[in-house]
């Protein structure tokens, strides 16, 4: 059974460590608030979880849907909420449940945001992670990292980054990196003996 609290805390720490890099990446392609939004949302989710009454992913879903601004906040909130629903009451195959939640979250994000793989968004990391998670959390984390890294080669077709053209090439999309950090956190908790490199060297 995956320890949701451990994933939340490891994800929060990873984002704390990557905050400056996430901010710099978003300054090149957006309005520069992604690092602050992701870190702030995770801090609030930890506090909400510690207050009691909700699971770790329920806390994440609530805070990102209700409290985190920007384009990414509500989209991540959809993902976290779907994962929370899938994990609720499941103690048998947590990878399958997490994968089912992530798949439902991906569908919700694409329904709302209309992004596809190749548009240089968080979908470029989330879609391959969802495809790989039947092989386990480590496989999903590696796929998410590859997807996030690949966004450095893409021209943005969605959001603010689409207005800056090729200037963002050479650096990964911050939203995709944020997703890769989530799957890295889940893999290092669920499969601690697996060797999984995180994005941005984390």
C-alpha atoms as a PDB file:
ATOM      1  CA  UNK A   1       0.000   0.000   0.000  1.00  0.00           C
ATOM      2  CA  UNK A   2       1.428   3.362  -0.983  1.00  0.00           C
ATOM      3  CA  UNK A   3       1.926   5.809   1.859  1.00  0.00           C
ATOM      4  CA  UNK A   4       0.006   8.882   0.649  1.00  0.00           C
ATOM      5  CA  UNK A   5       1.385  11.067   3.415  1.00  0.00           C
ATOM      6  CA  UNK A   6       4.955  10.142   2.520  1.00  0.00           C
ATOM      7  CA  UNK A   7       4.297  10.939  -1.149  1.00  0.00           C
ATOM      8  CA  UNK A   8       2.790  14.308  -0.242  1.00  0.00           C
ATOM      9  CA  UNK A   9       5.701  15.251   1.996  1.00  0.00           C
ATOM     10  CA  UNK A  10       8.342  14.083  -0.474  1.00  0.00           C
ATOM     11  CA  UNK A  11       6.619  15.891  -3.330  1.00  0.00           C
ATOM     12  CA  UNK A  12       6.376  19.051  -1.237  1.00  0.00           C
ATOM     13  CA  UNK A  13      10.076  18.884  -0.376  1.00  0.00           C
ATOM     14  CA  UNK A  14      11.058  18.209  -3.984  1.00  0.00           C
ATOM     15  CA  UNK A  15       9.126  21.291  -5.096  1.00  0.00           C
ATOM     16  CA  UNK A  16      10.731  23.361  -2.330  1.00  0.00           C
ATOM     17  CA  UNK A  17      14.126  22.257  -3.623  1.00  0.00           C
ATOM     18  CA  UNK A  18      13.179  22.968  -7.253  1.00  0.00           C
ATOM     19  CA  UNK A  19      11.313  26.230  -6.613  1.00  0.00           C
ATOM     20  CA  UNK A  20      13.949  28.577  -8.027  1.00  0.00           C
ATOM     21  CA  UNK A  21      14.377  26.494 -11.178  1.00  0.00           C
ATOM     22  CA  UNK A  22      10.624  26.154 -11.716  1.00  0.00           C
ATOM     23  CA  UNK A  23      10.254  29.916 -11.333  1.00  0.00           C
ATOM     24  CA  UNK A  24      13.050  30.607 -13.793  1.00  0.00           C
ATOM     25  CA  UNK A  25      11.572  28.200 -16.337  1.00  0.00           C
ATOM     26  CA  UNK A  26       8.173  29.868 -16.072  1.00  0.00           C
ATOM     27  CA  UNK A  27       9.674  33.349 -16.370  1.00  0.00           C
ATOM     28  CA  UNK A  28      10.968  32.347 -19.787  1.00  0.00           C
ATOM     29  CA  UNK A  29       7.670  30.994 -21.042  1.00  0.00           C
ATOM     30  CA  UNK A  30       4.883  32.396 -18.864  1.00  0.00           C
ATOM     31  CA  UNK A  31       4.277  34.914 -16.127  1.00  0.00           C
ATOM     32  CA  UNK A  32       6.744  33.409 -13.686  1.00  0.00           C
ATOM     33  CA  UNK A  33       4.289  32.325 -11.000  1.00  0.00           C
ATOM     34  CA  UNK A  34       4.322  28.550 -11.444  1.00  0.00           C
ATOM     35  CA  UNK A  35       6.984  27.875  -8.829  1.00  0.00           C
ATOM     36  CA  UNK A  36       5.169  30.017  -6.282  1.00  0.00           C
ATOM     37  CA  UNK A  37       1.793  28.475  -7.099  1.00  0.00           C
ATOM     38  CA  UNK A  38       3.011  24.892  -6.908  1.00  0.00           C
ATOM     39  CA  UNK A  39       4.998  25.431  -3.725  1.00  0.00           C
ATOM     40  CA  UNK A  40       2.189  27.417  -2.108  1.00  0.00           C
ATOM     41  CA  UNK A  41      -0.395  24.804  -2.998  1.00  0.00           C
ATOM     42  CA  UNK A  42       1.705  22.013  -1.579  1.00  0.00           C
ATOM     43  CA  UNK A  43       2.347  23.919   1.645  1.00  0.00           C
ATOM     44  CA  UNK A  44      -1.395  24.458   2.036  1.00  0.00           C
ATOM     45  CA  UNK A  45      -2.115  20.813   1.229  1.00  0.00           C
ATOM     46  CA  UNK A  46       0.318  19.643   3.907  1.00  0.00           C
ATOM     47  CA  UNK A  47      -1.361  21.950   6.424  1.00  0.00           C
ATOM     48  CA  UNK A  48      -4.822  20.766   5.332  1.00  0.00           C
ATOM     49  CA  UNK A  49      -3.775  17.131   5.695  1.00  0.00           C
ATOM     50  CA  UNK A  50      -2.261  17.764   9.130  1.00  0.00           C
ATOM     51  CA  UNK A  51      -5.537  19.361  10.240  1.00  0.00           C
ATOM     52  CA  UNK A  52      -7.123  15.936   9.783  1.00  0.00           C
ATOM     53  CA  UNK A  53     -10.205  14.476   8.192  1.00  0.00           C
ATOM     54  CA  UNK A  54      -8.861  14.012   4.669  1.00  0.00           C
ATOM     55  CA  UNK A  55      -6.354  11.829   2.864  1.00  0.00           C
ATOM     56  CA  UNK A  56      -3.189  13.350   1.476  1.00  0.00           C
ATOM     57  CA  UNK A  57      -4.485  13.420  -2.099  1.00  0.00           C
ATOM     58  CA  UNK A  58      -7.866  14.733  -0.992  1.00  0.00           C
ATOM     59  CA  UNK A  59      -5.990  17.604   0.660  1.00  0.00           C
ATOM     60  CA  UNK A  60      -4.054  18.194  -2.539  1.00  0.00           C
ATOM     61  CA  UNK A  61      -7.202  18.193  -4.645  1.00  0.00           C
ATOM     62  CA  UNK A  62      -9.072  20.568  -2.342  1.00  0.00           C
ATOM     63  CA  UNK A  63      -6.260  23.084  -2.067  1.00  0.00           C
ATOM     64  CA  UNK A  64      -5.342  23.166  -5.739  1.00  0.00           C
ATOM     65  CA  UNK A  65      -8.936  23.414  -6.916  1.00  0.00           C
ATOM     66  CA  UNK A  66      -9.947  26.063  -4.399  1.00  0.00           C
ATOM     67  CA  UNK A  67      -6.834  28.002  -3.464  1.00  0.00           C
ATOM     68  CA  UNK A  68      -4.184  27.854  -6.199  1.00  0.00           C
ATOM     69  CA  UNK A  69      -4.344  30.328  -9.045  1.00  0.00           C
ATOM     70  CA  UNK A  70      -2.867  30.358 -12.506  1.00  0.00           C
ATOM     71  CA  UNK A  71      -3.709  27.984 -15.296  1.00  0.00           C
ATOM     72  CA  UNK A  72      -2.082  25.008 -13.643  1.00  0.00           C
ATOM     73  CA  UNK A  73      -3.754  25.159 -10.224  1.00  0.00           C
ATOM     74  CA  UNK A  74      -7.222  23.905 -11.216  1.00  0.00           C
ATOM     75  CA  UNK A  75      -5.779  21.401 -13.691  1.00  0.00           C
ATOM     76  CA  UNK A  76      -3.530  19.868 -11.049  1.00  0.00           C
ATOM     77  CA  UNK A  77      -6.487  19.936  -8.679  1.00  0.00           C
ATOM     78  CA  UNK A  78      -8.427  17.746 -11.109  1.00  0.00           C
ATOM     79  CA  UNK A  79      -5.547  15.273 -11.260  1.00  0.00           C
ATOM     80  CA  UNK A  80      -5.119  15.077  -7.489  1.00  0.00           C
ATOM     81  CA  UNK A  81      -8.855  14.687  -6.929  1.00  0.00           C
ATOM     82  CA  UNK A  82      -9.125  11.815  -9.393  1.00  0.00           C
ATOM     83  CA  UNK A  83      -6.142  10.071  -7.780  1.00  0.00           C
ATOM     84  CA  UNK A  84      -7.729  10.549  -4.339  1.00  0.00           C
ATOM     85  CA  UNK A  85     -10.984   9.004  -5.543  1.00  0.00           C
ATOM     86  CA  UNK A  86      -9.171   6.043  -7.088  1.00  0.00           C
ATOM     87  CA  UNK A  87      -7.086   5.374  -3.971  1.00  0.00           C
ATOM     88  CA  UNK A  88     -10.021   5.676  -1.582  1.00  0.00           C
ATOM     89  CA  UNK A  89     -10.651   2.312  -0.004  1.00  0.00           C
ATOM     90  CA  UNK A  90      -8.106   0.477  -2.178  1.00  0.00           C
ATOM     91  CA  UNK A  91      -5.382  -1.412  -0.351  1.00  0.00           C
ATOM     92  CA  UNK A  92      -4.717  -4.188  -2.829  1.00  0.00           C
ATOM     93  CA  UNK A  93      -3.060  -2.849  -5.969  1.00  0.00           C
ATOM     94  CA  UNK A  94      -2.058   0.721  -5.270  1.00  0.00           C
ATOM     95  CA  UNK A  95      -0.149   1.134  -8.533  1.00  0.00           C
ATOM     96  CA  UNK A  96      -3.253   0.154 -10.471  1.00  0.00           C
ATOM     97  CA  UNK A  97      -5.444   2.470  -8.406  1.00  0.00           C
ATOM     98  CA  UNK A  98      -3.002   5.364  -8.703  1.00  0.00           C
ATOM     99  CA  UNK A  99      -2.765   4.708 -12.430  1.00  0.00           C
ATOM    100  CA  UNK A 100      -6.538   4.652 -12.811  1.00  0.00           C
ATOM    101  CA  UNK A 101      -6.767   7.969 -10.977  1.00  0.00           C
ATOM    102  CA  UNK A 102      -3.998   9.500 -13.048  1.00  0.00           C
ATOM    103  CA  UNK A 103      -5.680   8.292 -16.236  1.00  0.00           C
ATOM    104  CA  UNK A 104      -8.978   9.858 -15.175  1.00  0.00           C
ATOM    105  CA  UNK A 105      -7.114  13.026 -14.228  1.00  0.00           C
ATOM    106  CA  UNK A 106      -5.435  13.152 -17.626  1.00  0.00           C
ATOM    107  CA  UNK A 107      -8.818  12.808 -19.330  1.00  0.00           C
ATOM    108  CA  UNK A 108     -10.263  15.598 -17.191  1.00  0.00           C
ATOM    109  CA  UNK A 109      -7.296  17.881 -17.874  1.00  0.00           C
ATOM    110  CA  UNK A 110      -7.516  17.280 -21.605  1.00  0.00           C
ATOM    111  CA  UNK A 111     -11.274  17.819 -21.568  1.00  0.00           C
ATOM    112  CA  UNK A 112     -10.868  21.188 -19.840  1.00  0.00           C
ATOM    113  CA  UNK A 113      -7.577  22.378 -21.303  1.00  0.00           C
ATOM    114  CA  UNK A 114      -7.712  20.631 -24.690  1.00  0.00           C
ATOM    115  CA  UNK A 115      -3.942  20.001 -24.691  1.00  0.00           C
ATOM    116  CA  UNK A 116      -2.467  17.014 -26.485  1.00  0.00           C
ATOM    117  CA  UNK A 117       0.923  15.365 -26.329  1.00  0.00           C
ATOM    118  CA  UNK A 118       3.332  17.567 -28.255  1.00  0.00           C
ATOM    119  CA  UNK A 119       1.756  20.877 -27.201  1.00  0.00           C
ATOM    120  CA  UNK A 120       4.474  21.456 -24.568  1.00  0.00           C
ATOM    121  CA  UNK A 121       2.315  21.245 -21.450  1.00  0.00           C
ATOM    122  CA  UNK A 122       2.083  19.050 -18.371  1.00  0.00           C
ATOM    123  CA  UNK A 123       0.253  16.529 -20.575  1.00  0.00           C
ATOM    124  CA  UNK A 124       3.604  15.684 -22.186  1.00  0.00           C
ATOM    125  CA  UNK A 125       4.767  14.217 -18.866  1.00  0.00           C
ATOM    126  CA  UNK A 126       1.434  12.937 -17.567  1.00  0.00           C
ATOM    127  CA  UNK A 127       0.350  10.935 -20.626  1.00  0.00           C
ATOM    128  CA  UNK A 128       3.510   8.768 -20.821  1.00  0.00           C
ATOM    129  CA  UNK A 129       3.449   8.268 -17.050  1.00  0.00           C
ATOM    130  CA  UNK A 130      -0.130   7.008 -17.263  1.00  0.00           C
ATOM    131  CA  UNK A 131       0.841   4.666 -20.101  1.00  0.00           C
ATOM    132  CA  UNK A 132       3.796   3.281 -18.139  1.00  0.00           C
ATOM    133  CA  UNK A 133       2.327   2.883 -14.651  1.00  0.00           C
ATOM    134  CA  UNK A 134       1.035  -0.661 -15.274  1.00  0.00           C
ATOM    135  CA  UNK A 135       4.744  -1.564 -15.100  1.00  0.00           C
ATOM    136  CA  UNK A 136       5.039   0.153 -11.711  1.00  0.00           C
ATOM    137  CA  UNK A 137       5.755   3.526 -10.171  1.00  0.00           C
ATOM    138  CA  UNK A 138       9.412   3.591 -11.173  1.00  0.00           C
ATOM    139  CA  UNK A 139       8.512   3.005 -14.816  1.00  0.00           C
ATOM    140  CA  UNK A 140       5.955   5.805 -14.622  1.00  0.00           C
ATOM    141  CA  UNK A 141       8.478   8.173 -13.055  1.00  0.00           C
ATOM    142  CA  UNK A 142      11.037   7.444 -15.749  1.00  0.00           C
ATOM    143  CA  UNK A 143       8.430   7.979 -18.473  1.00  0.00           C
ATOM    144  CA  UNK A 144       7.333  11.262 -16.910  1.00  0.00           C
ATOM    145  CA  UNK A 145      10.931  12.479 -16.791  1.00  0.00           C
ATOM    146  CA  UNK A 146      11.513  11.554 -20.433  1.00  0.00           C
ATOM    147  CA  UNK A 147       8.304  13.343 -21.383  1.00  0.00           C
ATOM    148  CA  UNK A 148       9.213  16.437 -19.390  1.00  0.00           C
ATOM    149  CA  UNK A 149      12.736  16.503 -20.816  1.00  0.00           C
ATOM    150  CA  UNK A 150      11.337  16.187 -24.348  1.00  0.00           C
ATOM    151  CA  UNK A 151       9.317  19.388 -23.935  1.00  0.00           C
ATOM    152  CA  UNK A 152      12.614  21.271 -24.229  1.00  0.00           C
ATOM    153  CA  UNK A 153      12.549  20.373 -27.927  1.00  0.00           C
ATOM    154  CA  UNK A 154       8.957  21.461 -28.511  1.00  0.00           C
ATOM    155  CA  UNK A 155       7.384  24.704 -29.637  1.00  0.00           C
ATOM    156  CA  UNK A 156       4.519  25.609 -27.329  1.00  0.00           C
ATOM    157  CA  UNK A 157       1.059  25.504 -28.852  1.00  0.00           C
ATOM    158  CA  UNK A 158      -0.975  26.271 -25.725  1.00  0.00           C
ATOM    159  CA  UNK A 159      -1.039  29.000 -23.078  1.00  0.00           C
ATOM    160  CA  UNK A 160       1.243  31.964 -22.630  1.00  0.00           C
ATOM    161  CA  UNK A 161       4.278  30.055 -23.856  1.00  0.00           C
ATOM    162  CA  UNK A 162       2.725  29.893 -27.332  1.00  0.00           C
ATOM    163  CA  UNK A 163       3.344  33.628 -27.689  1.00  0.00           C
ATOM    164  CA  UNK A 164       7.105  33.447 -27.213  1.00  0.00           C
ATOM    165  CA  UNK A 165       7.776  30.991 -30.027  1.00  0.00           C
ATOM    166  CA  UNK A 166      11.149  29.294 -30.183  1.00  0.00           C
ATOM    167  CA  UNK A 167      12.567  31.297 -27.281  1.00  0.00           C
ATOM    168  CA  UNK A 168      11.485  28.558 -24.869  1.00  0.00           C
ATOM    169  CA  UNK A 169      13.244  25.804 -26.790  1.00  0.00           C
ATOM    170  CA  UNK A 170      16.118  24.230 -24.921  1.00  0.00           C
ATOM    171  CA  UNK A 171      14.385  24.330 -21.531  1.00  0.00           C
ATOM    172  CA  UNK A 172      11.605  22.010 -20.305  1.00  0.00           C
ATOM    173  CA  UNK A 173       8.057  23.113 -19.631  1.00  0.00           C
ATOM    174  CA  UNK A 174       7.644  23.878 -15.909  1.00  0.00           C
ATOM    175  CA  UNK A 175       4.251  22.178 -15.692  1.00  0.00           C
ATOM    176  CA  UNK A 176       5.666  18.980 -17.151  1.00  0.00           C
ATOM    177  CA  UNK A 177       8.527  19.148 -14.666  1.00  0.00           C
ATOM    178  CA  UNK A 178       6.002  19.538 -11.853  1.00  0.00           C
ATOM    179  CA  UNK A 179       4.261  16.341 -12.974  1.00  0.00           C
ATOM    180  CA  UNK A 180       7.576  14.506 -13.235  1.00  0.00           C
ATOM    181  CA  UNK A 181       8.375  15.530  -9.663  1.00  0.00           C
ATOM    182  CA  UNK A 182       5.052  14.035  -8.514  1.00  0.00           C
ATOM    183  CA  UNK A 183       5.771  10.673 -10.098  1.00  0.00           C
ATOM    184  CA  UNK A 184       9.360  10.754  -8.824  1.00  0.00           C
ATOM    185  CA  UNK A 185       8.015  11.273  -5.305  1.00  0.00           C
ATOM    186  CA  UNK A 186       5.533   8.416  -5.687  1.00  0.00           C
ATOM    187  CA  UNK A 187       8.197   6.073  -7.070  1.00  0.00           C
ATOM    188  CA  UNK A 188      10.760   6.786  -4.360  1.00  0.00           C
ATOM    189  CA  UNK A 189       8.115   6.083  -1.705  1.00  0.00           C
ATOM    190  CA  UNK A 190       6.495   3.034  -3.320  1.00  0.00           C
ATOM    191  CA  UNK A 191       9.641   1.472  -4.779  1.00  0.00           C
ATOM    192  CA  UNK A 192      12.521   2.776  -2.654  1.00  0.00           C
ATOM    193  CA  UNK A 193      15.018   0.272  -4.071  1.00  0.00           C
ATOM    194  CA  UNK A 194      14.435   1.360  -7.663  1.00  0.00           C
ATOM    195  CA  UNK A 195      16.860   3.810  -9.188  1.00  0.00           C
ATOM    196  CA  UNK A 196      14.840   6.761 -10.441  1.00  0.00           C
ATOM    197  CA  UNK A 197      16.314  10.086 -11.459  1.00  0.00           C
ATOM    198  CA  UNK A 198      14.125  13.104 -10.922  1.00  0.00           C
ATOM    199  CA  UNK A 199      13.792  16.041 -13.312  1.00  0.00           C
ATOM    200  CA  UNK A 200      16.187  18.961 -12.920  1.00  0.00           C
ATOM    201  CA  UNK A 201      18.648  16.672 -11.181  1.00  0.00           C
ATOM    202  CA  UNK A 202      16.376  16.139  -8.160  1.00  0.00           C
END
